N, C-alpha and C. Protein backbone atom coordinates (compact mmCIF):
# COMPACT_ATOMS: atom_id res chain seq x y z
N MET A 1 150.58 -4.55 28.86
CA MET A 1 150.74 -3.12 28.93
C MET A 1 151.97 -2.78 29.74
N LYS A 2 152.51 -1.63 29.41
CA LYS A 2 153.67 -1.17 30.16
C LYS A 2 153.22 -0.63 31.51
N LYS A 3 154.16 -0.62 32.43
CA LYS A 3 153.88 -0.16 33.78
C LYS A 3 153.51 1.32 33.79
N ASN A 4 154.16 2.14 32.97
CA ASN A 4 153.87 3.58 32.91
C ASN A 4 152.45 3.84 32.38
N THR A 5 152.03 3.06 31.42
CA THR A 5 150.69 3.21 30.87
C THR A 5 149.63 2.93 31.94
N LEU A 6 149.83 1.90 32.73
CA LEU A 6 148.90 1.57 33.82
C LEU A 6 148.84 2.69 34.86
N VAL A 7 149.96 3.28 35.16
CA VAL A 7 150.01 4.38 36.14
C VAL A 7 149.25 5.60 35.61
N VAL A 8 149.42 5.90 34.34
CA VAL A 8 148.72 7.04 33.73
C VAL A 8 147.22 6.79 33.72
N ILE A 9 146.79 5.60 33.32
CA ILE A 9 145.36 5.27 33.29
C ILE A 9 144.77 5.33 34.71
N GLY A 10 145.48 4.78 35.66
CA GLY A 10 145.02 4.82 37.06
C GLY A 10 144.91 6.25 37.57
N GLY A 11 145.87 7.09 37.21
CA GLY A 11 145.84 8.50 37.62
C GLY A 11 144.66 9.24 37.01
N LEU A 12 144.36 8.96 35.73
CA LEU A 12 143.21 9.59 35.07
C LEU A 12 141.89 9.16 35.71
N ILE A 13 141.80 7.89 36.09
CA ILE A 13 140.58 7.40 36.73
C ILE A 13 140.40 8.08 38.10
N ILE A 14 141.45 8.20 38.85
CA ILE A 14 141.38 8.86 40.16
C ILE A 14 141.02 10.33 40.01
N ALA A 15 141.64 11.02 39.05
CA ALA A 15 141.34 12.44 38.82
C ALA A 15 139.89 12.61 38.39
N GLY A 16 139.40 11.74 37.53
CA GLY A 16 138.00 11.80 37.10
C GLY A 16 137.05 11.59 38.26
N ALA A 17 137.38 10.64 39.14
CA ALA A 17 136.54 10.38 40.30
C ALA A 17 136.51 11.58 41.24
N ILE A 18 137.62 12.25 41.42
CA ILE A 18 137.68 13.44 42.28
C ILE A 18 136.83 14.56 41.70
N VAL A 19 136.93 14.80 40.41
CA VAL A 19 136.13 15.84 39.75
C VAL A 19 134.64 15.51 39.88
N PHE A 20 134.26 14.27 39.67
CA PHE A 20 132.86 13.86 39.79
C PHE A 20 132.35 14.09 41.21
N LEU A 21 133.12 13.71 42.23
CA LEU A 21 132.70 13.89 43.62
C LEU A 21 132.58 15.36 43.98
N LEU A 22 133.48 16.20 43.49
CA LEU A 22 133.39 17.64 43.77
C LEU A 22 132.13 18.25 43.15
N MET A 23 131.81 17.84 41.94
CA MET A 23 130.61 18.37 41.28
C MET A 23 129.34 17.87 41.96
N ALA A 24 129.34 16.64 42.41
CA ALA A 24 128.16 16.08 43.07
C ALA A 24 127.97 16.67 44.46
N ALA A 25 129.04 17.05 45.12
CA ALA A 25 128.96 17.56 46.49
C ALA A 25 128.62 19.04 46.56
N THR A 26 128.66 19.76 45.46
CA THR A 26 128.40 21.20 45.48
C THR A 26 127.30 21.56 44.50
N PRO A 27 126.04 21.17 44.80
CA PRO A 27 124.97 21.51 43.86
C PRO A 27 124.69 23.00 43.80
N GLY A 28 124.98 23.74 44.85
CA GLY A 28 124.72 25.18 44.87
C GLY A 28 125.55 25.95 43.88
N SER A 29 126.70 25.43 43.53
CA SER A 29 127.56 26.15 42.60
C SER A 29 127.00 26.13 41.18
N SER A 30 126.10 25.20 40.90
CA SER A 30 125.53 25.13 39.56
C SER A 30 124.08 25.61 39.56
N GLY A 31 123.69 26.33 40.61
CA GLY A 31 122.30 26.74 40.76
C GLY A 31 122.01 28.09 40.14
N VAL A 32 120.73 28.48 40.29
CA VAL A 32 120.22 29.72 39.74
C VAL A 32 119.69 30.55 40.89
N GLU A 33 119.98 31.84 40.89
CA GLU A 33 119.44 32.75 41.90
C GLU A 33 118.38 33.62 41.26
N LEU A 34 117.16 33.55 41.81
CA LEU A 34 116.02 34.26 41.24
C LEU A 34 115.28 35.05 42.31
N THR A 35 114.57 36.09 41.88
CA THR A 35 113.65 36.77 42.78
C THR A 35 112.38 35.93 42.84
N LEU A 36 111.59 36.16 43.87
CA LEU A 36 110.38 35.37 44.05
C LEU A 36 109.41 35.52 42.89
N ASP A 37 109.22 36.74 42.40
CA ASP A 37 108.28 36.94 41.28
C ASP A 37 108.77 36.26 40.00
N LYS A 38 110.09 36.29 39.73
CA LYS A 38 110.61 35.62 38.53
C LYS A 38 110.52 34.10 38.66
N LEU A 39 110.74 33.57 39.87
CA LEU A 39 110.63 32.13 40.07
C LEU A 39 109.19 31.68 39.84
N LEU A 40 108.23 32.41 40.39
CA LEU A 40 106.83 32.02 40.22
C LEU A 40 106.39 32.12 38.76
N ALA A 41 106.92 33.10 38.03
CA ALA A 41 106.56 33.26 36.62
C ALA A 41 107.18 32.19 35.73
N THR A 42 108.34 31.68 36.12
CA THR A 42 109.06 30.70 35.28
C THR A 42 109.28 29.38 36.01
N GLN A 43 108.39 29.03 36.90
CA GLN A 43 108.56 27.85 37.74
C GLN A 43 108.73 26.57 36.94
N ASP A 44 107.99 26.41 35.86
CA ASP A 44 108.09 25.19 35.05
C ASP A 44 109.48 25.03 34.43
N GLN A 45 110.13 26.12 34.11
CA GLN A 45 111.45 26.07 33.47
C GLN A 45 112.55 25.68 34.46
N HIS A 46 112.29 25.82 35.78
CA HIS A 46 113.33 25.59 36.78
C HIS A 46 113.07 24.35 37.64
N GLN A 47 112.24 23.43 37.14
CA GLN A 47 111.92 22.22 37.90
C GLN A 47 113.16 21.38 38.21
N ASP A 48 114.13 21.37 37.32
CA ASP A 48 115.32 20.54 37.51
C ASP A 48 116.52 21.35 38.00
N ASP A 49 116.34 22.63 38.29
CA ASP A 49 117.44 23.49 38.72
C ASP A 49 117.52 23.56 40.23
N TYR A 50 118.72 23.82 40.74
CA TYR A 50 118.94 24.13 42.15
C TYR A 50 118.80 25.64 42.26
N VAL A 51 117.77 26.10 42.95
CA VAL A 51 117.40 27.52 42.94
C VAL A 51 117.60 28.13 44.32
N THR A 52 118.07 29.38 44.33
CA THR A 52 118.14 30.18 45.55
C THR A 52 117.17 31.34 45.38
N VAL A 53 116.30 31.54 46.40
CA VAL A 53 115.29 32.59 46.34
C VAL A 53 115.09 33.15 47.75
N GLU A 54 114.72 34.42 47.84
CA GLU A 54 114.47 35.07 49.12
C GLU A 54 113.02 35.48 49.22
N GLY A 55 112.48 35.51 50.44
CA GLY A 55 111.13 35.99 50.68
C GLY A 55 110.95 36.36 52.14
N LEU A 56 109.92 37.14 52.42
CA LEU A 56 109.59 37.52 53.79
C LEU A 56 108.68 36.46 54.39
N LEU A 57 109.00 36.00 55.58
CA LEU A 57 108.23 34.97 56.25
C LEU A 57 106.88 35.50 56.70
N ILE A 58 105.84 34.70 56.51
CA ILE A 58 104.51 35.00 57.03
C ILE A 58 104.32 34.10 58.25
N GLU A 59 104.39 34.69 59.45
CA GLU A 59 104.44 33.91 60.69
C GLU A 59 103.19 33.06 60.91
N ASP A 60 102.03 33.56 60.54
CA ASP A 60 100.79 32.81 60.75
C ASP A 60 100.74 31.51 59.94
N SER A 61 101.59 31.39 58.95
CA SER A 61 101.56 30.21 58.08
C SER A 61 102.47 29.08 58.55
N ILE A 62 103.24 29.29 59.61
CA ILE A 62 104.22 28.29 60.05
C ILE A 62 103.53 27.07 60.64
N LYS A 63 103.88 25.90 60.10
CA LYS A 63 103.41 24.62 60.62
C LYS A 63 104.64 23.75 60.86
N TRP A 64 104.96 23.48 62.12
CA TRP A 64 106.13 22.71 62.49
C TRP A 64 105.69 21.35 63.01
N ASN A 65 106.18 20.27 62.41
CA ASN A 65 105.89 18.91 62.84
C ASN A 65 107.18 18.28 63.34
N PRO A 66 107.40 18.27 64.68
CA PRO A 66 108.67 17.74 65.21
C PRO A 66 108.82 16.23 65.02
N ASP A 67 107.69 15.50 64.90
CA ASP A 67 107.79 14.05 64.71
C ASP A 67 108.39 13.70 63.35
N LYS A 68 107.99 14.44 62.32
CA LYS A 68 108.51 14.20 60.97
C LYS A 68 109.71 15.10 60.65
N ILE A 69 110.02 16.03 61.55
CA ILE A 69 111.02 17.08 61.32
C ILE A 69 110.71 17.77 59.99
N GLU A 70 109.48 18.27 59.93
CA GLU A 70 109.00 18.93 58.72
C GLU A 70 108.48 20.32 59.06
N LEU A 71 108.93 21.27 58.27
CA LEU A 71 108.54 22.67 58.45
C LEU A 71 107.84 23.14 57.18
N GLN A 72 106.65 23.70 57.33
CA GLN A 72 105.92 24.27 56.20
C GLN A 72 105.57 25.70 56.55
N PHE A 73 105.72 26.58 55.57
CA PHE A 73 105.42 27.99 55.79
C PHE A 73 105.26 28.68 54.44
N ASP A 74 104.80 29.93 54.49
CA ASP A 74 104.65 30.73 53.28
C ASP A 74 105.58 31.92 53.34
N VAL A 75 106.05 32.33 52.18
CA VAL A 75 106.86 33.55 52.06
C VAL A 75 106.20 34.46 51.02
N LYS A 76 106.49 35.73 51.14
CA LYS A 76 105.96 36.71 50.20
C LYS A 76 107.06 37.68 49.83
N ASP A 77 106.81 38.46 48.78
CA ASP A 77 107.73 39.53 48.43
C ASP A 77 106.99 40.85 48.54
N ASN A 78 107.68 41.94 48.24
CA ASN A 78 107.09 43.27 48.35
C ASN A 78 106.01 43.54 47.31
N LYS A 79 105.93 42.69 46.29
CA LYS A 79 104.94 42.88 45.22
C LYS A 79 103.67 42.07 45.48
N GLY A 80 103.61 41.34 46.60
CA GLY A 80 102.42 40.57 46.94
C GLY A 80 102.44 39.14 46.45
N ASN A 81 103.52 38.70 45.83
CA ASN A 81 103.61 37.30 45.38
C ASN A 81 103.77 36.40 46.59
N LEU A 82 103.16 35.22 46.54
CA LEU A 82 103.13 34.29 47.66
C LEU A 82 103.57 32.91 47.20
N MET A 83 104.40 32.23 48.03
CA MET A 83 104.86 30.89 47.71
C MET A 83 104.86 30.03 48.96
N HIS A 84 104.40 28.79 48.84
CA HIS A 84 104.40 27.83 49.94
C HIS A 84 105.73 27.08 49.94
N VAL A 85 106.30 26.87 51.13
CA VAL A 85 107.62 26.22 51.25
C VAL A 85 107.49 24.99 52.14
N ILE A 86 108.14 23.91 51.73
CA ILE A 86 108.22 22.68 52.52
C ILE A 86 109.70 22.41 52.76
N HIS A 87 110.06 22.17 54.03
CA HIS A 87 111.46 21.92 54.38
C HIS A 87 111.51 20.74 55.35
N HIS A 88 112.27 19.72 55.00
CA HIS A 88 112.47 18.57 55.88
C HIS A 88 113.79 18.78 56.61
N GLY A 89 113.70 19.45 57.74
CA GLY A 89 114.88 19.77 58.53
C GLY A 89 114.47 20.65 59.70
N THR A 90 115.46 21.14 60.43
CA THR A 90 115.18 21.92 61.63
C THR A 90 114.67 23.32 61.32
N LYS A 91 113.97 23.88 62.28
CA LYS A 91 113.43 25.23 62.15
C LYS A 91 114.49 26.21 62.64
N PRO A 92 114.80 27.26 61.87
CA PRO A 92 115.78 28.26 62.32
C PRO A 92 115.33 28.95 63.61
N ASP A 93 116.29 29.44 64.39
CA ASP A 93 116.01 30.06 65.69
C ASP A 93 115.15 31.31 65.58
N ASN A 94 115.51 32.23 64.72
CA ASN A 94 114.80 33.51 64.66
C ASN A 94 113.72 33.49 63.59
N PHE A 95 112.85 32.51 63.66
CA PHE A 95 111.79 32.33 62.68
C PHE A 95 110.56 33.12 63.12
N VAL A 96 110.52 34.42 62.81
CA VAL A 96 109.44 35.30 63.23
C VAL A 96 108.96 36.12 62.03
N GLU A 97 107.81 36.76 62.19
CA GLU A 97 107.19 37.56 61.14
C GLU A 97 108.16 38.58 60.56
N GLY A 98 108.20 38.66 59.24
CA GLY A 98 108.98 39.68 58.55
C GLY A 98 110.45 39.37 58.39
N VAL A 99 110.94 38.26 58.94
CA VAL A 99 112.34 37.93 58.77
C VAL A 99 112.55 37.49 57.32
N ILE A 100 113.69 37.83 56.78
CA ILE A 100 114.01 37.45 55.41
C ILE A 100 114.49 36.00 55.42
N THR A 101 113.86 35.16 54.60
CA THR A 101 114.27 33.77 54.50
C THR A 101 114.99 33.56 53.18
N ILE A 102 116.10 32.87 53.25
CA ILE A 102 116.88 32.52 52.07
C ILE A 102 116.70 31.02 51.87
N LEU A 103 116.10 30.67 50.75
CA LEU A 103 115.73 29.29 50.49
C LEU A 103 116.58 28.72 49.35
N GLU A 104 117.06 27.51 49.54
CA GLU A 104 117.81 26.82 48.49
C GLU A 104 117.15 25.46 48.28
N GLY A 105 116.80 25.17 47.03
CA GLY A 105 116.15 23.91 46.73
C GLY A 105 115.57 23.92 45.34
N ALA A 106 114.35 23.35 45.22
CA ALA A 106 113.75 23.22 43.89
C ALA A 106 112.26 23.50 43.94
N PRO A 107 111.75 24.21 42.92
CA PRO A 107 110.30 24.39 42.83
C PRO A 107 109.65 23.07 42.42
N THR A 108 108.46 22.82 42.94
CA THR A 108 107.76 21.59 42.56
C THR A 108 106.47 21.97 41.88
N LYS A 109 105.35 21.59 42.46
CA LYS A 109 104.07 21.96 41.84
C LYS A 109 103.84 23.46 41.95
N LYS A 110 102.77 23.95 41.36
CA LYS A 110 102.50 25.39 41.26
C LYS A 110 102.61 26.10 42.60
N ASP A 111 103.42 27.15 42.63
CA ASP A 111 103.62 28.02 43.80
C ASP A 111 104.11 27.27 45.05
N THR A 112 104.81 26.16 44.87
CA THR A 112 105.36 25.38 45.98
C THR A 112 106.85 25.16 45.76
N PHE A 113 107.61 25.25 46.85
CA PHE A 113 109.07 25.14 46.79
C PHE A 113 109.50 24.14 47.87
N VAL A 114 110.32 23.18 47.51
CA VAL A 114 110.89 22.24 48.48
C VAL A 114 112.32 22.71 48.76
N ALA A 115 112.53 23.19 49.99
CA ALA A 115 113.81 23.78 50.36
C ALA A 115 114.72 22.75 51.02
N GLU A 116 115.95 22.63 50.51
CA GLU A 116 116.95 21.80 51.16
C GLU A 116 117.53 22.53 52.35
N THR A 117 117.72 23.84 52.21
CA THR A 117 118.21 24.66 53.32
C THR A 117 117.34 25.89 53.47
N VAL A 118 117.15 26.30 54.72
CA VAL A 118 116.41 27.52 55.05
C VAL A 118 117.30 28.33 55.97
N LYS A 119 117.64 29.53 55.52
CA LYS A 119 118.46 30.44 56.33
C LYS A 119 117.64 31.71 56.56
N THR A 120 117.90 32.38 57.67
CA THR A 120 117.19 33.62 57.95
C THR A 120 118.19 34.74 58.21
N ARG A 121 117.72 35.95 57.94
CA ARG A 121 118.53 37.11 58.30
C ARG A 121 117.59 38.26 58.59
N CYS A 122 117.99 39.06 59.51
CA CYS A 122 117.20 40.22 59.91
C CYS A 122 118.11 41.43 59.81
N PRO A 123 118.11 42.14 58.70
CA PRO A 123 119.08 43.20 58.49
C PRO A 123 119.01 44.31 59.52
N SER A 124 117.81 44.64 60.03
CA SER A 124 117.71 45.73 60.99
C SER A 124 118.46 45.41 62.27
N LYS A 125 118.58 44.13 62.60
CA LYS A 125 119.28 43.72 63.81
C LYS A 125 120.78 44.01 63.72
N TYR A 126 121.33 43.99 62.50
CA TYR A 126 122.76 44.12 62.32
C TYR A 126 123.19 45.45 61.73
N GLU A 127 122.24 46.33 61.43
CA GLU A 127 122.61 47.63 60.87
C GLU A 127 123.25 48.49 61.95
N GLY A 128 124.20 49.30 61.54
CA GLY A 128 124.89 50.17 62.47
C GLY A 128 124.03 51.35 62.90
N GLN A 129 124.37 51.91 64.03
CA GLN A 129 123.68 53.08 64.52
C GLN A 129 124.30 54.33 63.91
N ASN A 130 123.58 55.41 63.97
CA ASN A 130 124.06 56.69 63.48
C ASN A 130 125.23 57.14 64.35
N ILE A 131 126.33 57.55 63.75
CA ILE A 131 127.53 57.95 64.49
C ILE A 131 127.27 59.16 65.38
N LYS A 132 126.26 59.96 65.06
CA LYS A 132 125.94 61.13 65.89
C LYS A 132 125.44 60.70 67.26
N ASN A 133 124.89 59.52 67.37
CA ASN A 133 124.37 59.02 68.65
C ASN A 133 125.42 58.27 69.47
N TYR A 134 126.64 58.17 68.98
CA TYR A 134 127.68 57.40 69.66
C TYR A 134 128.17 58.14 70.89
N ASP A 135 128.21 57.43 72.02
CA ASP A 135 128.71 58.00 73.28
C ASP A 135 129.98 57.26 73.67
N PRO A 136 131.16 57.90 73.53
CA PRO A 136 132.42 57.20 73.84
C PRO A 136 132.54 56.79 75.30
N GLU A 137 131.86 57.47 76.20
CA GLU A 137 131.94 57.11 77.62
C GLU A 137 131.35 55.73 77.88
N THR A 138 130.40 55.31 77.07
CA THR A 138 129.78 54.00 77.24
C THR A 138 130.81 52.89 77.07
N HIS A 139 131.73 53.06 76.17
CA HIS A 139 132.71 52.01 75.87
C HIS A 139 134.07 52.27 76.51
N LYS A 140 134.21 53.37 77.22
CA LYS A 140 135.50 53.74 77.78
C LYS A 140 136.03 52.67 78.72
N ASP A 141 135.19 52.16 79.63
CA ASP A 141 135.63 51.14 80.58
C ASP A 141 136.07 49.86 79.88
N LYS A 142 135.35 49.48 78.86
CA LYS A 142 135.68 48.23 78.15
C LYS A 142 136.99 48.38 77.39
N LEU A 143 137.26 49.56 76.87
CA LEU A 143 138.50 49.76 76.12
C LEU A 143 139.72 49.76 77.02
N ASN A 144 139.59 50.19 78.25
CA ASN A 144 140.73 50.28 79.17
C ASN A 144 140.99 48.99 79.93
N GLN A 145 140.11 48.02 79.84
CA GLN A 145 140.33 46.75 80.53
C GLN A 145 141.28 45.87 79.72
N PRO A 146 142.17 45.15 80.41
CA PRO A 146 143.05 44.22 79.67
C PRO A 146 142.23 43.04 79.15
N ALA A 147 142.69 42.48 78.06
CA ALA A 147 142.02 41.33 77.47
C ALA A 147 142.14 40.13 78.40
N LYS A 148 141.08 39.32 78.45
CA LYS A 148 141.09 38.12 79.29
C LYS A 148 141.99 37.07 78.65
N GLU A 149 142.76 36.41 79.49
CA GLU A 149 143.62 35.34 78.98
C GLU A 149 142.82 34.05 78.92
N GLN A 150 143.10 33.26 77.92
CA GLN A 150 142.38 32.00 77.75
C GLN A 150 143.19 30.86 78.25
């Protein structure tokens, strides 16, 4: 074979390997985002899919096993649907009643979800206050101070 042909073949093999690694490293990009009620209704159809779903945490259901690093809990939606979640990983910091949990993983047996990642968010904590209640005097001192040098 000619030297140029070997270089082209080698380049194609390297490019193919890079594409394969990128696809294997980003399973979330090929996933499905569903509501809890739709996931429970079509759970059998999504057994092989990487699914993202949200639910409200039920605090009484939390079972944390630090020896196995296993977290089990239940989530619900506003329609009363309930799903059991199993996560082999750390427990999020703000894991309290009513926090919104964002789960990424795969449904397994009926009404059970194995989560690869568990994220939480509490929208009320980050919502802005009404501008009518803003008091500029509260922040006046902070605005007039010079920035700290690092």
